[in-house]
PDB file of N, CA and C in Angstrom:
ATOM      1  N   MET A   1     101.302  72.911 112.568  1.00  0.00           N
ATOM      2  CA  MET A   1     101.129  74.241 112.336  1.00  0.00           C
ATOM      3  C   MET A   1     100.419  74.267 111.205  1.00  0.00           C
ATOM      4  N   ASP A   2      99.315  75.179 110.817  1.00  0.00           N
ATOM      5  CA  ASP A   2      98.400  75.296 109.594  1.00  0.00           C
ATOM      6  C   ASP A   2      99.430  75.817 108.376  1.00  0.00           C
ATOM      7  N   GLU A   3      99.108  75.434 107.464  1.00  0.00           N
ATOM      8  CA  GLU A   3     100.112  75.966 106.595  1.00  0.00           C
ATOM      9  C   GLU A   3      99.928  77.390 105.953  1.00  0.00           C
ATOM     10  N   ALA A   4      98.639  77.915 105.955  1.00  0.00           N
ATOM     11  CA  ALA A   4      98.560  79.233 105.572  1.00  0.00           C
ATOM     12  C   ALA A   4      99.067  80.052 106.773  1.00  0.00           C
ATOM     13  N   ARG A   5      99.017  79.774 107.796  1.00  0.00           N
ATOM     14  CA  ARG A   5      99.666  80.666 108.898  1.00  0.00           C
ATOM     15  C   ARG A   5     101.085  80.650 109.009  1.00  0.00           C
ATOM     16  N   LYS A   6     101.668  79.540 108.576  1.00  0.00           N
ATOM     17  CA  LYS A   6     103.098  79.583 108.430  1.00  0.00           C
ATOM     18  C   LYS A   6     103.881  80.790 107.540  1.00  0.00           C
ATOM     19  N   PHE A   7     102.817  81.016 106.549  1.00  0.00           N
ATOM     20  CA  PHE A   7     103.412  82.217 105.675  1.00  0.00           C
ATOM     21  C   PHE A   7     102.783  83.623 106.065  1.00  0.00           C
ATOM     22  N   ASP A   8     101.935  83.761 106.877  1.00  0.00           N
ATOM     23  CA  ASP A   8     101.520  85.058 107.363  1.00  0.00           C
ATOM     24  C   ASP A   8     102.536  85.950 107.810  1.00  0.00           C
ATOM     25  N   PRO A   9     102.560  87.131 107.412  1.00  0.00           N
ATOM     26  CA  PRO A   9     103.388  88.146 108.062  1.00  0.00           C
ATOM     27  C   PRO A   9     103.279  88.385 109.521  1.00  0.00           C
ATOM     28  N   PRO A  10     104.329  88.543 110.173  1.00  0.00           N
ATOM     29  CA  PRO A  10     104.241  88.738 111.646  1.00  0.00           C
ATOM     30  C   PRO A  10     103.308  89.798 112.268  1.00  0.00           C
ATOM     31  N   PHE A  11     102.794  90.865 111.527  1.00  0.00           N
ATOM     32  CA  PHE A  11     101.877  91.625 112.169  1.00  0.00           C
ATOM     33  C   PHE A  11     101.005  92.535 111.424  1.00  0.00           C
ATOM     34  N   THR A  12      99.739  93.125 111.941  1.00  0.00           N
ATOM     35  CA  THR A  12      98.878  93.672 111.319  1.00  0.00           C
ATOM     36  C   THR A  12      99.057  95.190 110.881  1.00  0.00           C
ATOM     37  N   LEU A  13      98.479  95.628 110.081  1.00  0.00           N
ATOM     38  CA  LEU A  13      98.357  97.158 109.878  1.00  0.00           C
ATOM     39  C   LEU A  13      98.217  98.191 111.055  1.00  0.00           C
ATOM     40  N   TYR A  14      97.337  97.661 112.151  1.00  0.00           N
ATOM     41  CA  TYR A  14      97.174  98.257 113.344  1.00  0.00           C
ATOM     42  C   TYR A  14      98.202  98.279 114.132  1.00  0.00           C
ATOM     43  N   GLU A  15      99.233  97.165 114.082  1.00  0.00           N
ATOM     44  CA  GLU A  15     100.216  96.940 115.027  1.00  0.00           C
ATOM     45  C   GLU A  15     101.502  97.682 114.363  1.00  0.00           C
ATOM     46  N   ALA A  16     101.524  98.284 113.140  1.00  0.00           N
ATOM     47  CA  ALA A  16     102.626  98.864 112.594  1.00  0.00           C
ATOM     48  C   ALA A  16     103.012 100.256 113.189  1.00  0.00           C
ATOM     49  N   ASP A  17     104.382 100.484 113.035  1.00  0.00           N
ATOM     50  CA  ASP A  17     104.783 101.776 113.702  1.00  0.00           C
ATOM     51  C   ASP A  17     104.300 102.996 112.720  1.00  0.00           C
ATOM     52  N   ARG A  18     104.066 104.252 113.430  1.00  0.00           N
ATOM     53  CA  ARG A  18     103.840 105.241 112.478  1.00  0.00           C
ATOM     54  C   ARG A  18     105.221 105.537 111.421  1.00  0.00           C
ATOM     55  N   ARG A  19     104.683 105.939 110.370  1.00  0.00           N
ATOM     56  CA  ARG A  19     105.717 106.487 109.340  1.00  0.00           C
ATOM     57  C   ARG A  19     106.489 105.569 108.596  1.00  0.00           C
ATOM     58  N   SER A  20     106.412 104.360 109.042  1.00  0.00           N
ATOM     59  CA  SER A  20     107.447 103.105 108.417  1.00  0.00           C
ATOM     60  C   SER A  20     106.687 102.759 107.205  1.00  0.00           C
ATOM     61  N   ALA A  21     107.534 102.467 106.316  1.00  0.00           N
ATOM     62  CA  ALA A  21     106.857 101.980 104.781  1.00  0.00           C
ATOM     63  C   ALA A  21     106.776 100.540 104.740  1.00  0.00           C
ATOM     64  N   LEU A  22     105.330 100.142 104.558  1.00  0.00           N
ATOM     65  CA  LEU A  22     104.900  98.983 104.616  1.00  0.00           C
ATOM     66  C   LEU A  22     104.291  98.494 103.246  1.00  0.00           C
ATOM     67  N   ARG A  23     104.334  96.992 103.212  1.00  0.00           N
ATOM     68  CA  ARG A  23     103.738  96.447 101.867  1.00  0.00           C
ATOM     69  C   ARG A  23     102.640  95.532 102.410  1.00  0.00           C
ATOM     70  N   ILE A  24     101.717  95.847 102.073  1.00  0.00           N
ATOM     71  CA  ILE A  24     100.553  94.878 102.288  1.00  0.00           C
ATOM     72  C   ILE A  24     100.635  93.501 101.633  1.00  0.00           C
ATOM     73  N   ARG A  25     100.675  92.469 102.406  1.00  0.00           N
ATOM     74  CA  ARG A  25     100.743  91.063 102.127  1.00  0.00           C
ATOM     75  C   ARG A  25      99.631  90.281 101.989  1.00  0.00           C
ATOM     76  N   ARG A  26      98.662  90.660 102.719  1.00  0.00           N
ATOM     77  CA  ARG A  26      97.442  89.582 102.805  1.00  0.00           C
ATOM     78  C   ARG A  26      96.134  90.469 103.424  1.00  0.00           C
ATOM     79  N   ILE A  27      95.116  90.326 102.913  1.00  0.00           N
ATOM     80  CA  ILE A  27      93.872  90.949 103.211  1.00  0.00           C
ATOM     81  C   ILE A  27      93.091  89.849 103.993  1.00  0.00           C
ATOM     82  N   THR A  28      92.887  89.768 104.981  1.00  0.00           N
ATOM     83  CA  THR A  28      91.965  88.445 105.537  1.00  0.00           C
ATOM     84  C   THR A  28      90.541  88.923 105.824  1.00  0.00           C
ATOM     85  N   GLY A  29      89.778  88.009 105.863  1.00  0.00           N
ATOM     86  CA  GLY A  29      88.293  88.509 105.943  1.00  0.00           C
ATOM     87  C   GLY A  29      87.223  88.215 104.962  1.00  0.00           C
ATOM     88  N   GLY A  30      85.949  88.306 105.158  1.00  0.00           N
ATOM     89  CA  GLY A  30      85.081  88.151 104.034  1.00  0.00           C
ATOM     90  C   GLY A  30      85.057  88.825 102.931  1.00  0.00           C
ATOM     91  N   TRP A  31      83.773  88.885 102.280  1.00  0.00           N
ATOM     92  CA  TRP A  31      83.793  89.562 100.831  1.00  0.00           C
ATOM     93  C   TRP A  31      83.585  91.070 101.333  1.00  0.00           C
ATOM     94  N   GLY A  32      82.946  91.349 102.229  1.00  0.00           N
ATOM     95  CA  GLY A  32      82.850  92.762 102.552  1.00  0.00           C
ATOM     96  C   GLY A  32      83.996  93.307 103.125  1.00  0.00           C
ATOM     97  N   VAL A  33      84.816  92.802 103.699  1.00  0.00           N
ATOM     98  CA  VAL A  33      86.155  93.599 104.004  1.00  0.00           C
ATOM     99  C   VAL A  33      87.106  93.685 102.795  1.00  0.00           C
ATOM    100  N   ARG A  34      87.041  92.607 102.047  1.00  0.00           N
ATOM    101  CA  ARG A  34      87.758  92.762 100.561  1.00  0.00           C
ATOM    102  C   ARG A  34      87.260  93.899  99.527  1.00  0.00           C
ATOM    103  N   ARG A  35      85.781  93.839  99.851  1.00  0.00           N
ATOM    104  CA  ARG A  35      85.058  94.843  98.874  1.00  0.00           C
ATOM    105  C   ARG A  35      85.561  96.273  99.279  1.00  0.00           C
ATOM    106  N   PHE A  36      85.630  96.380 100.567  1.00  0.00           N
ATOM    107  CA  PHE A  36      85.871  97.832 101.284  1.00  0.00           C
ATOM    108  C   PHE A  36      87.148  98.390 100.812  1.00  0.00           C
ATOM    109  N   PHE A  37      88.299  97.445 100.804  1.00  0.00           N
ATOM    110  CA  PHE A  37      89.516  97.789 100.468  1.00  0.00           C
ATOM    111  C   PHE A  37      89.595  98.138  98.773  1.00  0.00           C
ATOM    112  N   ASN A  38      89.162  97.194  98.103  1.00  0.00           N
ATOM    113  CA  ASN A  38      89.053  97.188  96.682  1.00  0.00           C
ATOM    114  C   ASN A  38      88.297  98.750  96.338  1.00  0.00           C
ATOM    115  N   GLN A  39      87.434  98.918  97.028  1.00  0.00           N
ATOM    116  CA  GLN A  39      86.836 100.385  96.793  1.00  0.00           C
ATOM    117  C   GLN A  39      87.700 101.514  96.911  1.00  0.00           C
ATOM    118  N   MET A  40      88.530 101.276  97.966  1.00  0.00           N
ATOM    119  CA  MET A  40      89.420 102.420  98.541  1.00  0.00           C
ATOM    120  C   MET A  40      90.553 102.193  97.494  1.00  0.00           C
ATOM    121  N   GLY A  41      90.938 101.466  96.744  1.00  0.00           N
ATOM    122  CA  GLY A  41      92.225 101.172  95.879  1.00  0.00           C
ATOM    123  C   GLY A  41      93.262 100.593  96.599  1.00  0.00           C
ATOM    124  N   ILE A  42      92.971  99.958  97.678  1.00  0.00           N
ATOM    125  CA  ILE A  42      93.998  99.174  98.547  1.00  0.00           C
ATOM    126  C   ILE A  42      94.024  97.641  98.077  1.00  0.00           C
ATOM    127  N   HIS A  43      95.182  97.191  97.626  1.00  0.00           N
ATOM    128  CA  HIS A  43      95.038  95.667  97.369  1.00  0.00           C
ATOM    129  C   HIS A  43      96.527  95.315  98.015  1.00  0.00           C
ATOM    130  N   ALA A  44      96.516  93.925  98.048  1.00  0.00           N
ATOM    131  CA  ALA A  44      97.646  93.145  98.511  1.00  0.00           C
ATOM    132  C   ALA A  44      98.864  93.496  97.342  1.00  0.00           C
ATOM    133  N   GLY A  45      99.931  93.863  98.084  1.00  0.00           N
ATOM    134  CA  GLY A  45     101.375  94.259  97.347  1.00  0.00           C
ATOM    135  C   GLY A  45     101.389  95.619  97.118  1.00  0.00           C
ATOM    136  N   ASP A  46     100.340  96.600  97.568  1.00  0.00           N
ATOM    137  CA  ASP A  46     100.453  97.834  97.688  1.00  0.00           C
ATOM    138  C   ASP A  46     101.436  98.232  98.808  1.00  0.00           C
ATOM    139  N   GLU A  47     101.939  99.484  98.659  1.00  0.00           N
ATOM    140  CA  GLU A  47     102.853 100.154  99.395  1.00  0.00           C
ATOM    141  C   GLU A  47     101.942 101.167 100.422  1.00  0.00           C
ATOM    142  N   VAL A  48     102.027 101.165 101.774  1.00  0.00           N
ATOM    143  CA  VAL A  48     101.213 101.983 102.419  1.00  0.00           C
ATOM    144  C   VAL A  48     102.036 102.655 103.482  1.00  0.00           C
ATOM    145  N   ARG A  49     101.574 103.774 104.153  1.00  0.00           N
ATOM    146  CA  ARG A  49     102.303 104.239 105.362  1.00  0.00           C
ATOM    147  C   ARG A  49     101.050 104.755 106.278  1.00  0.00           C
ATOM    148  N   VAL A  50     101.428 104.338 107.440  1.00  0.00           N
ATOM    149  CA  VAL A  50     100.403 104.989 108.599  1.00  0.00           C
ATOM    150  C   VAL A  50     100.949 106.266 109.137  1.00  0.00           C
ATOM    151  N   LEU A  51      99.925 107.205 108.871  1.00  0.00           N
ATOM    152  CA  LEU A  51     100.214 108.696 109.246  1.00  0.00           C
ATOM    153  C   LEU A  51      99.861 108.937 110.554  1.00  0.00           C
ATOM    154  N   SER A  52      98.624 108.366 110.994  1.00  0.00           N
ATOM    155  CA  SER A  52      98.306 108.765 112.516  1.00  0.00           C
ATOM    156  C   SER A  52      97.487 107.640 113.078  1.00  0.00           C
ATOM    157  N   ARG A  53      97.273 107.719 114.208  1.00  0.00           N
ATOM    158  CA  ARG A  53      96.467 106.623 114.983  1.00  0.00           C
ATOM    159  C   ARG A  53      95.911 107.233 116.137  1.00  0.00           C
ATOM    160  N   ALA A  54      94.421 107.184 115.956  1.00  0.00           N
ATOM    161  CA  ALA A  54      93.787 107.987 117.182  1.00  0.00           C
ATOM    162  C   ALA A  54      93.790 106.981 118.398  1.00  0.00           C
ATOM    163  N   PRO A  55      93.734 107.682 119.518  1.00  0.00           N
ATOM    164  CA  PRO A  55      94.131 106.920 120.785  1.00  0.00           C
ATOM    165  C   PRO A  55      92.723 105.962 121.115  1.00  0.00           C
ATOM    166  N   PHE A  56      93.049 105.142 122.348  1.00  0.00           N
ATOM    167  CA  PHE A  56      91.926 104.320 122.729  1.00  0.00           C
ATOM    168  C   PHE A  56      91.198 103.380 121.402  1.00  0.00           C
ATOM    169  N   GLY A  57      92.019 102.865 120.795  1.00  0.00           N
ATOM    170  CA  GLY A  57      91.338 101.993 119.397  1.00  0.00           C
ATOM    171  C   GLY A  57      90.732 102.709 118.417  1.00  0.00           C
ATOM    172  N   GLY A  58      91.022 103.902 118.303  1.00  0.00           N
ATOM    173  CA  GLY A  58      90.371 104.814 116.956  1.00  0.00           C
ATOM    174  C   GLY A  58      91.030 104.382 115.915  1.00  0.00           C
ATOM    175  N   PRO A  59      90.559 105.083 114.708  1.00  0.00           N
ATOM    176  CA  PRO A  59      90.844 104.653 113.456  1.00  0.00           C
ATOM    177  C   PRO A  59      92.298 105.070 113.006  1.00  0.00           C
ATOM    178  N   LEU A  60      92.801 104.664 111.956  1.00  0.00           N
ATOM    179  CA  LEU A  60      94.209 104.813 111.460  1.00  0.00           C
ATOM    180  C   LEU A  60      93.906 105.848 110.457  1.00  0.00           C
ATOM    181  N   VAL A  61      94.871 106.504 110.121  1.00  0.00           N
ATOM    182  CA  VAL A  61      94.847 107.373 108.794  1.00  0.00           C
ATOM    183  C   VAL A  61      96.121 106.835 107.941  1.00  0.00           C
ATOM    184  N   ILE A  62      95.892 106.269 106.840  1.00  0.00           N
ATOM    185  CA  ILE A  62      96.887 105.705 106.134  1.00  0.00           C
ATOM    186  C   ILE A  62      97.088 106.387 104.730  1.00  0.00           C
ATOM    187  N   GLU A  63      98.410 106.275 104.194  1.00  0.00           N
ATOM    188  CA  GLU A  63      98.623 106.989 102.803  1.00  0.00           C
ATOM    189  C   GLU A  63      98.857 105.801 101.832  1.00  0.00           C
ATOM    190  N   SER A  64      98.173 105.760 100.546  1.00  0.00           N
ATOM    191  CA  SER A  64      98.282 104.872  99.752  1.00  0.00           C
ATOM    192  C   SER A  64      98.328 105.317  98.255  1.00  0.00           C
ATOM    193  N   ARG A  65      99.398 105.490  97.477  1.00  0.00           N
ATOM    194  CA  ARG A  65      99.172 106.178  96.312  1.00  0.00           C
ATOM    195  C   ARG A  65      98.954 107.486  96.223  1.00  0.00           C
ATOM    196  N   LYS A  66      99.465 108.206  97.355  1.00  0.00           N
ATOM    197  CA  LYS A  66      99.313 109.763  97.631  1.00  0.00           C
ATOM    198  C   LYS A  66      97.871 110.070  97.960  1.00  0.00           C
ATOM    199  N   SER A  67      97.026 109.166  98.224  1.00  0.00           N
ATOM    200  CA  SER A  67      95.693 109.503  98.682  1.00  0.00           C
ATOM    201  C   SER A  67      95.900 108.948 100.298  1.00  0.00           C
ATOM    202  N   ARG A  68      94.750 109.601 100.902  1.00  0.00           N
ATOM    203  CA  ARG A  68      94.738 109.416 102.584  1.00  0.00           C
ATOM    204  C   ARG A  68      93.232 108.866 102.675  1.00  0.00           C
ATOM    205  N   VAL A  69      93.518 107.593 103.508  1.00  0.00           N
ATOM    206  CA  VAL A  69      92.212 107.128 103.983  1.00  0.00           C
ATOM    207  C   VAL A  69      92.360 106.455 105.444  1.00  0.00           C
ATOM    208  N   ALA A  70      90.849 106.957 106.254  1.00  0.00           N
ATOM    209  CA  ALA A  70      90.838 106.456 107.384  1.00  0.00           C
ATOM    210  C   ALA A  70      90.240 105.040 107.433  1.00  0.00           C
ATOM    211  N   ILE A  71      90.973 104.280 108.306  1.00  0.00           N
ATOM    212  CA  ILE A  71      90.346 102.905 108.499  1.00  0.00           C
ATOM    213  C   ILE A  71      90.147 102.525 109.903  1.00  0.00           C
ATOM    214  N   SER A  72      89.184 101.938 110.340  1.00  0.00           N
ATOM    215  CA  SER A  72      88.645 101.333 111.522  1.00  0.00           C
ATOM    216  C   SER A  72      89.969 100.465 112.011  1.00  0.00           C
ATOM    217  N   LYS A  73      89.966 100.573 113.265  1.00  0.00           N
ATOM    218  CA  LYS A  73      90.690  99.341 114.052  1.00  0.00           C
ATOM    219  C   LYS A  73      90.341  98.023 113.508  1.00  0.00           C
ATOM    220  N   GLN A  74      89.131  97.775 113.471  1.00  0.00           N
ATOM    221  CA  GLN A  74      88.689  96.238 113.049  1.00  0.00           C
ATOM    222  C   GLN A  74      89.165  95.937 111.561  1.00  0.00           C
ATOM    223  N   LEU A  75      89.010  96.842 110.956  1.00  0.00           N
ATOM    224  CA  LEU A  75      89.402  96.487 109.396  1.00  0.00           C
ATOM    225  C   LEU A  75      90.854  96.494 109.321  1.00  0.00           C
ATOM    226  N   ALA A  76      91.683  97.456 110.269  1.00  0.00           N
ATOM    227  CA  ALA A  76      93.399  97.284 110.148  1.00  0.00           C
ATOM    228  C   ALA A  76      93.831  96.100 110.606  1.00  0.00           C
ATOM    229  N   GLU A  77      93.222  95.525 111.506  1.00  0.00           N
ATOM    230  CA  GLU A  77      93.366  94.272 112.106  1.00  0.00           C
ATOM    231  C   GLU A  77      93.453  93.039 110.958  1.00  0.00           C
ATOM    232  N   ARG A  78      92.679  93.208 109.952  1.00  0.00           N
ATOM    233  CA  ARG A  78      92.429  92.232 108.819  1.00  0.00           C
ATOM    234  C   ARG A  78      93.561  92.403 107.950  1.00  0.00           C
ATOM    235  N   VAL A  79      94.464  93.318 108.034  1.00  0.00           N
ATOM    236  CA  VAL A  79      95.299  93.729 107.008  1.00  0.00           C
ATOM    237  C   VAL A  79      96.620  93.146 107.476  1.00  0.00           C
ATOM    238  N   ARG A  80      97.401  92.118 106.832  1.00  0.00           N
ATOM    239  CA  ARG A  80      98.871  91.664 107.178  1.00  0.00           C
ATOM    240  C   ARG A  80      99.695  92.606 106.574  1.00  0.00           C
ATOM    241  N   VAL A  81     100.641  93.078 107.045  1.00  0.00           N
ATOM    242  CA  VAL A  81     101.854  93.751 106.337  1.00  0.00           C
ATOM    243  C   VAL A  81     103.093  93.433 106.808  1.00  0.00           C
ATOM    244  N   GLU A  82     104.280  93.791 106.008  1.00  0.00           N
ATOM    245  CA  GLU A  82     105.632  93.690 106.088  1.00  0.00           C
ATOM    246  C   GLU A  82     106.301  95.005 106.118  1.00  0.00           C
ATOM    247  N   VAL A  83     107.325  95.174 106.846  1.00  0.00           N
ATOM    248  CA  VAL A  83     108.035  96.447 106.600  1.00  0.00           C
ATOM    249  C   VAL A  83     109.086  96.398 105.285  1.00  0.00           C
ATOM    250  N   ILE A  84     108.812  97.393 104.520  1.00  0.00           N
ATOM    251  CA  ILE A  84     109.732  97.401 103.304  1.00  0.00           C
ATOM    252  C   ILE A  84     111.290  98.199 103.758  1.00  0.00           C
ATOM    253  N   PRO A  85     112.404  97.186 103.501  1.00  0.00           N
ATOM    254  CA  PRO A  85     113.614  97.590 104.151  1.00  0.00           C
ATOM    255  C   PRO A  85     114.012  98.909 103.152  1.00  0.00           C
TER     256      PRO A  85
END
């Protein structure tokens, strides 16, 4: 097993349940993906909450630091999260 994969959280932001408190553990992808999240003010370690999910693979609306941001399915699948107990 690859060492990096051994420590990956078990699910992505897109797979997370609505309204659950989440912590971003890792943002995967290239420079463009990381740049998008940096511009939105979303970083590893931040707490987020999924507010809504559009049907048929549509975008998510998440809340981070009292701001709401829409994120495409493709970008949401690049964000690894864990549930905050």
